[in-house]
Amino acid sequence: MKTINTLLKATLAVAAGAFLFSCQKTQVTELSVSPIAVNFEAAASENTVSVTCNDAWTASTTADWISLSPASGNGNGTIKISVKANEAFSDRNADVTVKAGDKSATIKVGQISLAPSLIVDLETIEAEAGGGEFELTITSNTDWSVVVPANDWVTVDKVSGKGSDKVKVSVNPTTLLEPRTLDIKVNAMNLSHTVKVNQAALVPALSVHPEQVETGAASTS
């Protein structure tokens, strides 16, 4: 009888172990992320994604402008997605992949482009008839160009540049008796600024020399 009981206990132990092993082997991995897409402005920033899982998981991306913290976990958790500032003038997109067992989930990451900017400190240049030199201060975060229509009285020392800089505008003296005007265009990508150059007319002048003429009496002989 004692031997039978021992055999019975051994059989039950083996069955219980097999049952537990079977349960472990048949456990289904569950994995989901929320939200499945995150979008960022051009500036550096971060956002958090929730991970729902019943197993160990890892997160990864091939984009060098994205960092993940943490990059792994076990069970439910969160991932902080951080992006560097986008200094390009085009949008960018990448994927973050979360894997657990034989399951994977994808988070779409998007970041908008840097917006071009252009500031020119003057809108008008008022030149006297004698001409002169003036300075434009250009503030931008991209390439820019200066366009001057064909003429014989206004010139600039630079027709292109990048970032912030100064441009010298030279106005020649005028011999005209009426004012004249010309538009200078400063362009940066899809932005444009107009600087109007106005020059006053030459003021007519009359001088007589000598100022006084003395004459004697007319001869009658």
N, C-alpha and C. Protein backbone atom coordinates (compact mmCIF):
# COMPACT_ATOMS: atom_id res chain seq x y z
N MET A 1 0.84 -1.21 0.00
CA MET A 1 0.00 0.00 0.00
C MET A 1 0.86 1.25 0.00
N LYS A 2 1.94 1.20 0.80
CA LYS A 2 2.83 2.35 0.89
C LYS A 2 3.47 2.63 -0.45
N THR A 3 3.78 1.58 -1.16
CA THR A 3 4.39 1.75 -2.48
C THR A 3 3.42 2.36 -3.46
N ILE A 4 2.17 1.93 -3.39
CA ILE A 4 1.13 2.48 -4.27
C ILE A 4 0.95 3.97 -4.02
N ASN A 5 0.91 4.38 -2.73
CA ASN A 5 0.76 5.81 -2.39
C ASN A 5 1.93 6.62 -2.93
N THR A 6 3.10 6.04 -2.81
CA THR A 6 4.29 6.75 -3.31
C THR A 6 4.22 6.94 -4.81
N LEU A 7 3.80 5.89 -5.50
CA LEU A 7 3.67 5.98 -6.95
C LEU A 7 2.60 6.99 -7.36
N LEU A 8 1.50 7.00 -6.60
CA LEU A 8 0.42 7.92 -6.89
C LEU A 8 0.86 9.36 -6.73
N LYS A 9 1.61 9.63 -5.64
CA LYS A 9 2.10 10.99 -5.41
C LYS A 9 3.06 11.42 -6.51
N ALA A 10 3.90 10.48 -6.91
CA ALA A 10 4.87 10.80 -7.97
C ALA A 10 4.16 11.11 -9.27
N THR A 11 3.11 10.31 -9.54
CA THR A 11 2.34 10.53 -10.78
C THR A 11 1.66 11.88 -10.76
N LEU A 12 1.07 12.23 -9.61
CA LEU A 12 0.40 13.53 -9.50
C LEU A 12 1.39 14.68 -9.64
N ALA A 13 2.57 14.50 -9.06
CA ALA A 13 3.59 15.56 -9.15
C ALA A 13 4.01 15.77 -10.60
N VAL A 14 4.21 14.66 -11.31
CA VAL A 14 4.59 14.77 -12.73
C VAL A 14 3.49 15.44 -13.53
N ALA A 15 2.25 15.07 -13.25
CA ALA A 15 1.11 15.66 -13.97
C ALA A 15 1.01 17.15 -13.70
N ALA A 16 1.19 17.53 -12.42
CA ALA A 16 1.11 18.95 -12.06
C ALA A 16 2.22 19.73 -12.76
N GLY A 17 3.43 19.15 -12.78
CA GLY A 17 4.54 19.83 -13.46
C GLY A 17 4.28 19.98 -14.94
N ALA A 18 3.76 18.93 -15.52
CA ALA A 18 3.45 18.99 -16.96
C ALA A 18 2.39 20.04 -17.25
N PHE A 19 1.41 20.12 -16.32
CA PHE A 19 0.34 21.10 -16.50
C PHE A 19 0.89 22.53 -16.43
N LEU A 20 1.74 22.77 -15.42
CA LEU A 20 2.33 24.11 -15.28
C LEU A 20 3.20 24.45 -16.48
N PHE A 21 3.99 23.48 -16.94
CA PHE A 21 4.85 23.70 -18.10
C PHE A 21 4.01 24.01 -19.33
N SER A 22 2.90 23.26 -19.43
CA SER A 22 2.02 23.49 -20.57
C SER A 22 1.41 24.88 -20.54
N CYS A 23 1.04 25.35 -19.34
CA CYS A 23 0.46 26.70 -19.20
C CYS A 23 1.47 27.77 -19.57
N GLN A 24 2.71 27.56 -19.10
CA GLN A 24 3.74 28.55 -19.41
C GLN A 24 4.00 28.61 -20.91
N LYS A 25 4.02 27.46 -21.56
CA LYS A 25 4.31 27.42 -22.98
C LYS A 25 3.19 28.00 -23.81
N THR A 26 1.97 27.93 -23.32
CA THR A 26 0.83 28.38 -24.11
C THR A 26 0.42 29.81 -23.77
N GLN A 27 1.17 30.52 -22.91
CA GLN A 27 0.82 31.90 -22.57
C GLN A 27 0.96 32.77 -23.83
N VAL A 28 -0.06 33.54 -24.15
CA VAL A 28 -0.07 34.40 -25.34
C VAL A 28 0.45 35.78 -24.96
N THR A 29 1.44 36.24 -25.68
CA THR A 29 1.98 37.59 -25.43
C THR A 29 1.00 38.64 -25.91
N GLU A 30 0.74 39.61 -25.06
CA GLU A 30 -0.14 40.72 -25.41
C GLU A 30 0.69 42.01 -25.43
N LEU A 31 0.51 42.80 -26.48
CA LEU A 31 1.29 44.03 -26.62
C LEU A 31 0.49 45.07 -27.38
N SER A 32 0.42 46.26 -26.84
CA SER A 32 -0.20 47.38 -27.53
C SER A 32 0.44 48.69 -27.03
N VAL A 33 0.38 49.72 -27.86
CA VAL A 33 0.93 51.03 -27.48
C VAL A 33 -0.14 52.09 -27.75
N SER A 34 -0.07 53.18 -26.99
CA SER A 34 -1.03 54.26 -27.16
C SER A 34 -0.38 55.59 -26.75
N PRO A 35 -0.45 56.58 -27.63
CA PRO A 35 -1.01 56.58 -28.98
C PRO A 35 -0.08 55.88 -29.96
N ILE A 36 -0.58 55.61 -31.14
CA ILE A 36 0.24 54.93 -32.15
C ILE A 36 0.96 55.94 -33.05
N ALA A 37 0.71 57.24 -32.83
CA ALA A 37 1.39 58.27 -33.60
C ALA A 37 1.57 59.50 -32.72
N VAL A 38 2.74 60.11 -32.78
CA VAL A 38 3.01 61.34 -32.05
C VAL A 38 3.66 62.34 -33.00
N ASN A 39 3.25 63.60 -32.89
CA ASN A 39 3.77 64.64 -33.77
C ASN A 39 4.35 65.77 -32.94
N PHE A 40 5.44 66.35 -33.44
CA PHE A 40 6.16 67.37 -32.72
C PHE A 40 6.31 68.64 -33.55
N GLU A 41 6.44 69.77 -32.85
CA GLU A 41 6.81 71.02 -33.50
C GLU A 41 8.29 70.96 -33.86
N ALA A 42 8.81 72.01 -34.49
CA ALA A 42 10.21 72.01 -34.92
C ALA A 42 11.17 72.06 -33.73
N ALA A 43 10.74 72.66 -32.63
CA ALA A 43 11.62 72.79 -31.46
C ALA A 43 11.80 71.44 -30.77
N ALA A 44 12.91 71.31 -30.04
CA ALA A 44 13.15 70.08 -29.27
C ALA A 44 12.05 69.92 -28.23
N SER A 45 11.53 68.71 -28.10
CA SER A 45 10.45 68.46 -27.14
C SER A 45 10.34 66.96 -26.89
N GLU A 46 9.34 66.59 -26.08
CA GLU A 46 9.17 65.18 -25.74
C GLU A 46 7.70 64.86 -25.55
N ASN A 47 7.39 63.57 -25.64
CA ASN A 47 6.03 63.08 -25.45
C ASN A 47 6.11 61.68 -24.86
N THR A 48 5.01 61.23 -24.25
CA THR A 48 5.01 59.93 -23.57
C THR A 48 4.00 58.99 -24.22
N VAL A 49 4.44 57.75 -24.42
CA VAL A 49 3.58 56.71 -24.99
C VAL A 49 3.42 55.59 -23.96
N SER A 50 2.21 55.08 -23.83
CA SER A 50 1.93 53.99 -22.89
C SER A 50 2.12 52.64 -23.57
N VAL A 51 2.71 51.69 -22.84
CA VAL A 51 2.90 50.33 -23.33
C VAL A 51 2.08 49.40 -22.45
N THR A 52 1.21 48.62 -23.06
CA THR A 52 0.44 47.60 -22.35
C THR A 52 0.96 46.24 -22.78
N CYS A 53 1.52 45.48 -21.83
CA CYS A 53 2.17 44.23 -22.18
C CYS A 53 2.17 43.28 -20.97
N ASN A 54 2.19 41.99 -21.24
CA ASN A 54 2.28 41.00 -20.18
C ASN A 54 3.60 40.24 -20.23
N ASP A 55 4.59 40.88 -20.85
CA ASP A 55 5.89 40.22 -21.02
C ASP A 55 6.98 41.30 -21.05
N ALA A 56 8.22 40.88 -21.16
CA ALA A 56 9.33 41.83 -21.31
C ALA A 56 9.28 42.43 -22.73
N TRP A 57 9.63 43.69 -22.88
CA TRP A 57 9.58 44.36 -24.17
C TRP A 57 10.80 45.27 -24.36
N THR A 58 11.08 45.59 -25.61
CA THR A 58 12.16 46.53 -25.96
C THR A 58 11.62 47.53 -26.97
N ALA A 59 12.22 48.72 -26.97
CA ALA A 59 11.83 49.77 -27.92
C ALA A 59 13.08 50.24 -28.64
N SER A 60 12.95 50.52 -29.94
CA SER A 60 14.10 50.95 -30.72
C SER A 60 13.66 51.82 -31.89
N THR A 61 14.63 52.58 -32.44
CA THR A 61 14.41 53.40 -33.63
C THR A 61 15.73 53.57 -34.35
N THR A 62 15.67 53.79 -35.65
CA THR A 62 16.89 54.02 -36.43
C THR A 62 17.16 55.51 -36.62
N ALA A 63 16.27 56.36 -36.15
CA ALA A 63 16.43 57.81 -36.33
C ALA A 63 17.36 58.39 -35.27
N ASP A 64 18.40 59.12 -35.71
CA ASP A 64 19.35 59.68 -34.75
C ASP A 64 18.83 60.94 -34.07
N TRP A 65 17.67 61.44 -34.49
CA TRP A 65 17.09 62.63 -33.86
C TRP A 65 16.05 62.27 -32.81
N ILE A 66 15.86 60.97 -32.58
CA ILE A 66 14.92 60.48 -31.57
C ILE A 66 15.67 59.72 -30.49
N SER A 67 15.32 59.97 -29.24
CA SER A 67 15.85 59.18 -28.13
C SER A 67 14.70 58.63 -27.32
N LEU A 68 14.90 57.42 -26.73
CA LEU A 68 13.85 56.71 -26.01
C LEU A 68 14.28 56.44 -24.58
N SER A 69 13.36 56.64 -23.65
CA SER A 69 13.67 56.37 -22.25
C SER A 69 12.40 55.91 -21.51
N PRO A 70 12.43 54.66 -20.98
CA PRO A 70 13.48 53.65 -21.14
C PRO A 70 13.33 52.96 -22.49
N ALA A 71 14.38 52.19 -22.85
CA ALA A 71 14.34 51.46 -24.11
C ALA A 71 13.90 50.01 -23.90
N SER A 72 13.55 49.66 -22.67
CA SER A 72 13.07 48.30 -22.39
C SER A 72 12.27 48.32 -21.10
N GLY A 73 11.48 47.26 -20.90
CA GLY A 73 10.68 47.15 -19.69
C GLY A 73 10.06 45.78 -19.58
N ASN A 74 9.28 45.59 -18.54
CA ASN A 74 8.61 44.31 -18.32
C ASN A 74 7.21 44.62 -17.80
N GLY A 75 6.21 44.17 -18.54
CA GLY A 75 4.85 44.49 -18.15
C GLY A 75 4.46 45.88 -18.63
N ASN A 76 3.39 46.40 -18.05
CA ASN A 76 2.92 47.72 -18.46
C ASN A 76 3.93 48.80 -18.10
N GLY A 77 4.02 49.82 -18.94
CA GLY A 77 4.97 50.90 -18.67
C GLY A 77 4.76 52.06 -19.62
N THR A 78 5.70 52.99 -19.62
CA THR A 78 5.65 54.15 -20.52
C THR A 78 7.02 54.34 -21.15
N ILE A 79 7.02 54.98 -22.32
CA ILE A 79 8.25 55.35 -23.02
C ILE A 79 8.21 56.85 -23.27
N LYS A 80 9.27 57.54 -22.86
CA LYS A 80 9.38 58.96 -23.17
C LYS A 80 10.13 59.10 -24.50
N ILE A 81 9.45 59.68 -25.48
CA ILE A 81 10.06 59.91 -26.80
C ILE A 81 10.50 61.36 -26.86
N SER A 82 11.80 61.59 -27.03
CA SER A 82 12.36 62.93 -27.11
C SER A 82 12.92 63.16 -28.51
N VAL A 83 12.70 64.36 -29.05
CA VAL A 83 13.22 64.70 -30.38
C VAL A 83 14.11 65.92 -30.29
N LYS A 84 15.14 65.94 -31.11
CA LYS A 84 16.00 67.12 -31.23
C LYS A 84 15.29 68.17 -32.07
N ALA A 85 15.76 69.40 -31.98
CA ALA A 85 15.19 70.47 -32.80
C ALA A 85 15.42 70.17 -34.28
N ASN A 86 14.41 70.39 -35.08
CA ASN A 86 14.52 70.19 -36.53
C ASN A 86 15.01 71.50 -37.15
N GLU A 87 16.25 71.52 -37.58
CA GLU A 87 16.84 72.73 -38.14
C GLU A 87 16.80 72.72 -39.67
N ALA A 88 16.10 71.76 -40.22
CA ALA A 88 15.95 71.69 -41.67
C ALA A 88 14.62 72.34 -42.07
N PHE A 89 14.50 72.63 -43.37
CA PHE A 89 13.28 73.26 -43.86
C PHE A 89 12.37 72.24 -44.53
N SER A 90 12.42 71.00 -44.03
CA SER A 90 11.53 69.94 -44.50
C SER A 90 11.09 69.09 -43.31
N ASP A 91 9.87 68.59 -43.37
CA ASP A 91 9.36 67.72 -42.30
C ASP A 91 10.14 66.41 -42.28
N ARG A 92 10.13 65.74 -41.14
CA ARG A 92 10.78 64.43 -41.06
C ARG A 92 9.91 63.45 -40.29
N ASN A 93 10.08 62.18 -40.62
CA ASN A 93 9.26 61.12 -40.03
C ASN A 93 10.13 59.89 -39.76
N ALA A 94 9.75 59.14 -38.74
CA ALA A 94 10.46 57.91 -38.39
C ALA A 94 9.53 57.01 -37.59
N ASP A 95 9.95 55.75 -37.40
CA ASP A 95 9.19 54.79 -36.62
C ASP A 95 9.92 54.41 -35.34
N VAL A 96 9.15 54.21 -34.28
CA VAL A 96 9.65 53.58 -33.06
C VAL A 96 8.98 52.21 -32.98
N THR A 97 9.79 51.15 -32.86
CA THR A 97 9.26 49.79 -32.84
C THR A 97 9.37 49.21 -31.43
N VAL A 98 8.27 48.72 -30.91
CA VAL A 98 8.24 48.05 -29.61
C VAL A 98 8.01 46.57 -29.86
N LYS A 99 8.89 45.70 -29.29
CA LYS A 99 8.78 44.26 -29.48
C LYS A 99 8.66 43.53 -28.15
N ALA A 100 7.83 42.49 -28.14
CA ALA A 100 7.68 41.61 -26.97
C ALA A 100 7.35 40.23 -27.49
N GLY A 101 8.22 39.26 -27.23
CA GLY A 101 7.99 37.92 -27.76
C GLY A 101 7.91 37.95 -29.26
N ASP A 102 6.84 37.39 -29.79
CA ASP A 102 6.66 37.38 -31.23
C ASP A 102 5.77 38.53 -31.71
N LYS A 103 5.49 39.50 -30.83
CA LYS A 103 4.63 40.62 -31.18
C LYS A 103 5.46 41.90 -31.34
N SER A 104 4.96 42.80 -32.15
CA SER A 104 5.59 44.11 -32.30
C SER A 104 4.53 45.17 -32.54
N ALA A 105 4.82 46.39 -32.15
CA ALA A 105 3.91 47.52 -32.35
C ALA A 105 4.74 48.69 -32.83
N THR A 106 4.16 49.51 -33.70
CA THR A 106 4.87 50.64 -34.30
C THR A 106 4.26 51.96 -33.87
N ILE A 107 5.12 52.89 -33.50
CA ILE A 107 4.69 54.25 -33.17
C ILE A 107 5.23 55.17 -34.26
N LYS A 108 4.36 55.87 -34.95
CA LYS A 108 4.76 56.81 -35.99
C LYS A 108 5.14 58.14 -35.34
N VAL A 109 6.36 58.62 -35.64
CA VAL A 109 6.85 59.88 -35.07
C VAL A 109 7.05 60.87 -36.21
N GLY A 110 6.45 62.03 -36.09
CA GLY A 110 6.60 63.08 -37.10
C GLY A 110 7.01 64.39 -36.47
N GLN A 111 7.80 65.17 -37.20
CA GLN A 111 8.23 66.48 -36.72
C GLN A 111 8.20 67.46 -37.89
N ILE A 112 7.57 68.62 -37.68
CA ILE A 112 7.45 69.60 -38.76
C ILE A 112 8.77 70.33 -38.95
N SER A 113 8.88 70.97 -40.09
CA SER A 113 10.13 71.64 -40.46
C SER A 113 10.27 72.99 -39.74
N LEU A 114 11.50 73.47 -39.74
CA LEU A 114 11.79 74.81 -39.25
C LEU A 114 11.17 75.82 -40.19
N ALA A 115 10.54 76.85 -39.65
CA ALA A 115 9.93 77.89 -40.48
C ALA A 115 10.99 78.93 -40.83
N PRO A 116 11.15 79.28 -42.13
CA PRO A 116 12.11 80.31 -42.49
C PRO A 116 11.68 81.67 -41.94
N SER A 117 12.65 82.50 -41.60
CA SER A 117 12.34 83.84 -41.09
C SER A 117 13.18 84.86 -41.82
N LEU A 118 12.63 86.06 -41.96
CA LEU A 118 13.34 87.15 -42.63
C LEU A 118 12.88 88.47 -42.04
N ILE A 119 13.84 89.23 -41.50
CA ILE A 119 13.54 90.56 -40.97
C ILE A 119 14.56 91.53 -41.56
N VAL A 120 14.07 92.61 -42.15
CA VAL A 120 14.93 93.68 -42.67
C VAL A 120 14.55 94.95 -41.92
N ASP A 121 15.55 95.65 -41.39
CA ASP A 121 15.26 96.75 -40.46
C ASP A 121 14.69 98.00 -41.12
N LEU A 122 14.81 98.14 -42.43
CA LEU A 122 14.30 99.34 -43.10
C LEU A 122 13.24 98.98 -44.14
N GLU A 123 12.27 99.88 -44.28
CA GLU A 123 11.29 99.76 -45.35
C GLU A 123 11.51 100.82 -46.41
N THR A 124 12.08 101.95 -46.02
CA THR A 124 12.38 103.02 -46.97
C THR A 124 13.75 103.61 -46.70
N ILE A 125 14.38 104.08 -47.75
CA ILE A 125 15.62 104.85 -47.66
C ILE A 125 15.35 106.20 -48.29
N GLU A 126 15.56 107.25 -47.54
CA GLU A 126 15.33 108.61 -48.03
C GLU A 126 16.69 109.27 -48.28
N ALA A 127 17.00 109.46 -49.54
CA ALA A 127 18.30 110.03 -49.91
C ALA A 127 18.12 111.45 -50.42
N GLU A 128 19.05 112.31 -50.10
CA GLU A 128 19.07 113.66 -50.63
C GLU A 128 19.58 113.62 -52.07
N ALA A 129 19.49 114.75 -52.74
CA ALA A 129 19.94 114.80 -54.13
C ALA A 129 21.43 114.49 -54.25
N GLY A 130 22.17 114.78 -53.21
CA GLY A 130 23.61 114.51 -53.24
C GLY A 130 23.97 113.05 -53.04
N GLY A 131 22.98 112.18 -52.82
CA GLY A 131 23.23 110.75 -52.64
C GLY A 131 23.74 110.43 -51.25
N GLY A 132 24.31 109.25 -51.08
CA GLY A 132 24.83 108.83 -49.77
C GLY A 132 24.89 107.32 -49.66
N GLU A 133 25.34 106.85 -48.50
CA GLU A 133 25.42 105.43 -48.22
C GLU A 133 24.52 105.07 -47.05
N PHE A 134 23.83 103.93 -47.17
CA PHE A 134 22.88 103.48 -46.16
C PHE A 134 23.13 102.01 -45.88
N GLU A 135 22.65 101.53 -44.73
CA GLU A 135 22.91 100.16 -44.32
C GLU A 135 21.61 99.43 -43.99
N LEU A 136 21.47 98.26 -44.59
CA LEU A 136 20.34 97.38 -44.27
C LEU A 136 20.84 96.28 -43.34
N THR A 137 20.11 96.03 -42.26
CA THR A 137 20.41 94.90 -41.37
C THR A 137 19.42 93.79 -41.66
N ILE A 138 19.94 92.66 -42.12
CA ILE A 138 19.11 91.51 -42.48
C ILE A 138 19.26 90.44 -41.40
N THR A 139 18.14 90.00 -40.85
CA THR A 139 18.14 88.93 -39.85
C THR A 139 17.34 87.76 -40.40
N SER A 140 18.00 86.61 -40.55
CA SER A 140 17.33 85.46 -41.15
C SER A 140 17.96 84.18 -40.61
N ASN A 141 17.28 83.06 -40.82
CA ASN A 141 17.83 81.75 -40.44
C ASN A 141 18.10 80.89 -41.66
N THR A 142 18.17 81.53 -42.83
CA THR A 142 18.39 80.78 -44.06
C THR A 142 19.12 81.66 -45.07
N ASP A 143 19.31 81.12 -46.28
CA ASP A 143 19.95 81.90 -47.34
C ASP A 143 19.02 83.01 -47.81
N TRP A 144 19.60 84.13 -48.24
CA TRP A 144 18.80 85.23 -48.76
C TRP A 144 19.52 85.87 -49.94
N SER A 145 18.77 86.63 -50.71
CA SER A 145 19.34 87.34 -51.86
C SER A 145 18.79 88.76 -51.91
N VAL A 146 19.57 89.65 -52.50
CA VAL A 146 19.17 91.05 -52.67
C VAL A 146 19.06 91.30 -54.16
N VAL A 147 17.89 91.74 -54.59
CA VAL A 147 17.64 91.96 -56.02
C VAL A 147 17.45 93.45 -56.25
N VAL A 148 18.32 94.03 -57.09
CA VAL A 148 18.24 95.44 -57.44
C VAL A 148 17.95 95.54 -58.94
N PRO A 149 16.86 96.18 -59.33
CA PRO A 149 16.58 96.33 -60.77
C PRO A 149 17.71 97.07 -61.47
N ALA A 150 17.85 96.82 -62.75
CA ALA A 150 18.88 97.51 -63.53
C ALA A 150 18.69 99.02 -63.44
N ASN A 151 19.73 99.72 -63.04
CA ASN A 151 19.67 101.17 -62.91
C ASN A 151 21.09 101.72 -62.85
N ASP A 152 21.21 103.03 -62.85
CA ASP A 152 22.54 103.65 -62.82
C ASP A 152 22.76 104.54 -61.60
N TRP A 153 21.92 104.34 -60.55
CA TRP A 153 22.10 105.23 -59.40
C TRP A 153 22.04 104.55 -58.03
N VAL A 154 21.64 103.26 -57.97
CA VAL A 154 21.61 102.51 -56.71
C VAL A 154 22.41 101.22 -56.87
N THR A 155 23.34 100.98 -55.94
CA THR A 155 24.11 99.73 -55.93
C THR A 155 24.17 99.18 -54.51
N VAL A 156 24.43 97.86 -54.40
CA VAL A 156 24.60 97.22 -53.09
C VAL A 156 25.93 96.47 -53.09
N ASP A 157 26.51 96.31 -51.90
CA ASP A 157 27.81 95.62 -51.82
C ASP A 157 27.68 94.11 -51.71
N LYS A 158 26.44 93.59 -51.50
CA LYS A 158 26.22 92.15 -51.43
C LYS A 158 24.90 91.83 -52.10
N VAL A 159 24.89 90.75 -52.86
CA VAL A 159 23.63 90.34 -53.50
C VAL A 159 23.11 89.03 -52.92
N SER A 160 23.86 88.44 -51.97
CA SER A 160 23.39 87.21 -51.33
C SER A 160 24.11 87.03 -50.01
N GLY A 161 23.55 86.16 -49.17
CA GLY A 161 24.15 85.88 -47.87
C GLY A 161 23.38 84.79 -47.17
N LYS A 162 23.77 84.52 -45.94
CA LYS A 162 23.10 83.50 -45.13
C LYS A 162 23.09 83.95 -43.68
N GLY A 163 21.96 83.74 -43.00
CA GLY A 163 21.87 84.16 -41.61
C GLY A 163 21.74 85.67 -41.51
N SER A 164 22.30 86.23 -40.46
CA SER A 164 22.19 87.66 -40.21
C SER A 164 23.43 88.39 -40.71
N ASP A 165 23.21 89.51 -41.39
CA ASP A 165 24.33 90.27 -41.95
C ASP A 165 23.85 91.68 -42.29
N LYS A 166 24.79 92.50 -42.78
CA LYS A 166 24.49 93.87 -43.16
C LYS A 166 24.82 94.07 -44.64
N VAL A 167 24.01 94.89 -45.31
CA VAL A 167 24.21 95.19 -46.72
C VAL A 167 24.29 96.71 -46.88
N LYS A 168 25.35 97.18 -47.56
CA LYS A 168 25.51 98.62 -47.78
C LYS A 168 24.84 99.01 -49.09
N VAL A 169 24.00 100.03 -49.02
CA VAL A 169 23.30 100.55 -50.19
C VAL A 169 23.88 101.92 -50.52
N SER A 170 24.37 102.07 -51.74
CA SER A 170 24.96 103.35 -52.17
C SER A 170 24.03 104.02 -53.18
N VAL A 171 23.78 105.31 -52.95
CA VAL A 171 22.92 106.10 -53.83
C VAL A 171 23.77 107.21 -54.45
N ASN A 172 23.82 107.24 -55.78
CA ASN A 172 24.60 108.26 -56.47
C ASN A 172 23.89 109.61 -56.46
N PRO A 173 24.62 110.72 -56.58
CA PRO A 173 23.98 112.04 -56.69
C PRO A 173 23.11 112.10 -57.94
N THR A 174 22.09 112.93 -57.89
CA THR A 174 21.20 113.08 -59.03
C THR A 174 21.37 114.46 -59.67
N THR A 175 21.15 114.53 -60.97
CA THR A 175 21.12 115.81 -61.69
C THR A 175 19.72 116.10 -62.20
N LEU A 176 18.78 115.27 -61.77
CA LEU A 176 17.40 115.43 -62.22
C LEU A 176 16.67 116.47 -61.39
N LEU A 177 15.74 117.16 -62.02
CA LEU A 177 14.96 118.17 -61.33
C LEU A 177 13.64 117.61 -60.81
N GLU A 178 13.54 116.30 -60.77
CA GLU A 178 12.37 115.64 -60.19
C GLU A 178 12.84 114.43 -59.38
N PRO A 179 12.10 114.04 -58.34
CA PRO A 179 12.53 112.91 -57.49
C PRO A 179 12.46 111.60 -58.26
N ARG A 180 13.18 110.60 -57.76
CA ARG A 180 13.15 109.27 -58.37
C ARG A 180 13.09 108.21 -57.27
N THR A 181 12.59 107.03 -57.66
CA THR A 181 12.41 105.95 -56.69
C THR A 181 12.75 104.61 -57.31
N LEU A 182 13.10 103.65 -56.46
CA LEU A 182 13.48 102.31 -56.91
C LEU A 182 13.22 101.33 -55.78
N ASP A 183 12.79 100.12 -56.12
CA ASP A 183 12.50 99.08 -55.11
C ASP A 183 13.61 98.03 -55.09
N ILE A 184 14.15 97.79 -53.88
CA ILE A 184 15.10 96.70 -53.66
C ILE A 184 14.34 95.55 -53.00
N LYS A 185 14.51 94.33 -53.52
CA LYS A 185 13.84 93.16 -52.96
C LYS A 185 14.85 92.29 -52.20
N VAL A 186 14.50 91.92 -50.98
CA VAL A 186 15.27 90.95 -50.20
C VAL A 186 14.43 89.69 -50.10
N ASN A 187 14.94 88.57 -50.63
CA ASN A 187 14.18 87.32 -50.68
C ASN A 187 14.87 86.23 -49.87
N ALA A 188 14.07 85.43 -49.16
CA ALA A 188 14.57 84.27 -48.42
C ALA A 188 13.52 83.18 -48.52
N MET A 189 13.83 82.15 -49.32
CA MET A 189 12.87 81.07 -49.59
C MET A 189 11.56 81.67 -50.08
N ASN A 190 10.46 81.44 -49.36
CA ASN A 190 9.18 81.95 -49.82
C ASN A 190 8.84 83.31 -49.20
N LEU A 191 9.82 83.95 -48.57
CA LEU A 191 9.60 85.25 -47.93
C LEU A 191 10.24 86.35 -48.75
N SER A 192 9.66 87.55 -48.69
CA SER A 192 10.19 88.68 -49.44
C SER A 192 9.94 89.98 -48.68
N HIS A 193 10.90 90.89 -48.78
CA HIS A 193 10.77 92.20 -48.14
C HIS A 193 11.22 93.25 -49.15
N THR A 194 10.44 94.33 -49.24
CA THR A 194 10.75 95.40 -50.18
C THR A 194 11.28 96.62 -49.44
N VAL A 195 12.40 97.14 -49.92
CA VAL A 195 12.95 98.40 -49.41
C VAL A 195 12.85 99.43 -50.52
N LYS A 196 12.09 100.49 -50.29
CA LYS A 196 11.89 101.52 -51.30
C LYS A 196 12.95 102.61 -51.12
N VAL A 197 13.68 102.89 -52.19
CA VAL A 197 14.69 103.94 -52.16
C VAL A 197 14.11 105.18 -52.84
N ASN A 198 14.03 106.26 -52.09
CA ASN A 198 13.53 107.54 -52.62
C ASN A 198 14.68 108.55 -52.62
N GLN A 199 14.82 109.26 -53.73
CA GLN A 199 15.84 110.31 -53.79
C GLN A 199 15.19 111.62 -54.20
N ALA A 200 15.52 112.65 -53.45
CA ALA A 200 14.96 113.97 -53.72
C ALA A 200 15.53 114.55 -55.01
N ALA A 201 14.77 115.45 -55.60
CA ALA A 201 15.20 116.09 -56.84
C ALA A 201 16.28 117.12 -56.56
N LEU A 202 17.06 117.40 -57.58
CA LEU A 202 18.05 118.47 -57.48
C LEU A 202 17.31 119.81 -57.47
N VAL A 203 17.67 120.66 -56.54
CA VAL A 203 17.02 121.97 -56.44
C VAL A 203 17.69 122.92 -57.42
N PRO A 204 16.92 123.55 -58.31
CA PRO A 204 17.52 124.47 -59.28
C PRO A 204 18.23 125.62 -58.56
N ALA A 205 19.35 126.04 -59.08
CA ALA A 205 20.08 127.16 -58.48
C ALA A 205 20.58 128.07 -59.59
N LEU A 206 20.64 129.35 -59.30
CA LEU A 206 21.10 130.34 -60.26
C LEU A 206 22.02 131.31 -59.55
N SER A 207 23.19 131.47 -60.08
CA SER A 207 24.11 132.45 -59.51
C SER A 207 24.68 133.31 -60.63
N VAL A 208 24.85 134.57 -60.33
CA VAL A 208 25.38 135.53 -61.29
C VAL A 208 26.62 136.17 -60.69
N HIS A 209 27.67 136.24 -61.46
CA HIS A 209 28.89 136.85 -60.96
C HIS A 209 29.47 137.77 -62.04
N PRO A 210 29.83 138.90 -61.72
CA PRO A 210 29.69 139.51 -60.38
C PRO A 210 28.25 139.87 -60.08
N GLU A 211 28.01 140.12 -58.81
CA GLU A 211 26.64 140.44 -58.39
C GLU A 211 26.25 141.87 -58.79
N GLN A 212 27.20 142.71 -59.03
CA GLN A 212 26.88 144.11 -59.35
C GLN A 212 27.82 144.59 -60.47
N VAL A 213 27.24 145.24 -61.45
CA VAL A 213 28.02 145.79 -62.56
C VAL A 213 27.81 147.29 -62.59
N GLU A 214 28.90 148.04 -62.55
CA GLU A 214 28.79 149.49 -62.59
C GLU A 214 29.12 149.98 -64.00
N THR A 215 28.30 150.86 -64.48
CA THR A 215 28.51 151.40 -65.82
C THR A 215 28.60 152.92 -65.74
N GLY A 216 29.38 153.50 -66.61
CA GLY A 216 29.48 154.97 -66.66
C GLY A 216 28.46 155.58 -67.57
N ALA A 217 28.46 156.89 -67.65
CA ALA A 217 27.49 157.60 -68.53
C ALA A 217 27.86 157.32 -69.98
N ALA A 218 26.88 157.22 -70.80
CA ALA A 218 27.12 156.98 -72.22
C ALA A 218 27.75 158.17 -72.85
N SER A 219 28.71 157.96 -73.78
CA SER A 219 29.39 159.06 -74.47
C SER A 219 28.49 159.64 -75.56
N THR A 220 28.48 160.98 -75.71
CA THR A 220 27.63 161.62 -76.72
C THR A 220 28.44 162.15 -77.88
N SER A 221 29.78 161.98 -77.84
CA SER A 221 30.59 162.53 -78.91
C SER A 221 30.56 161.64 -80.13
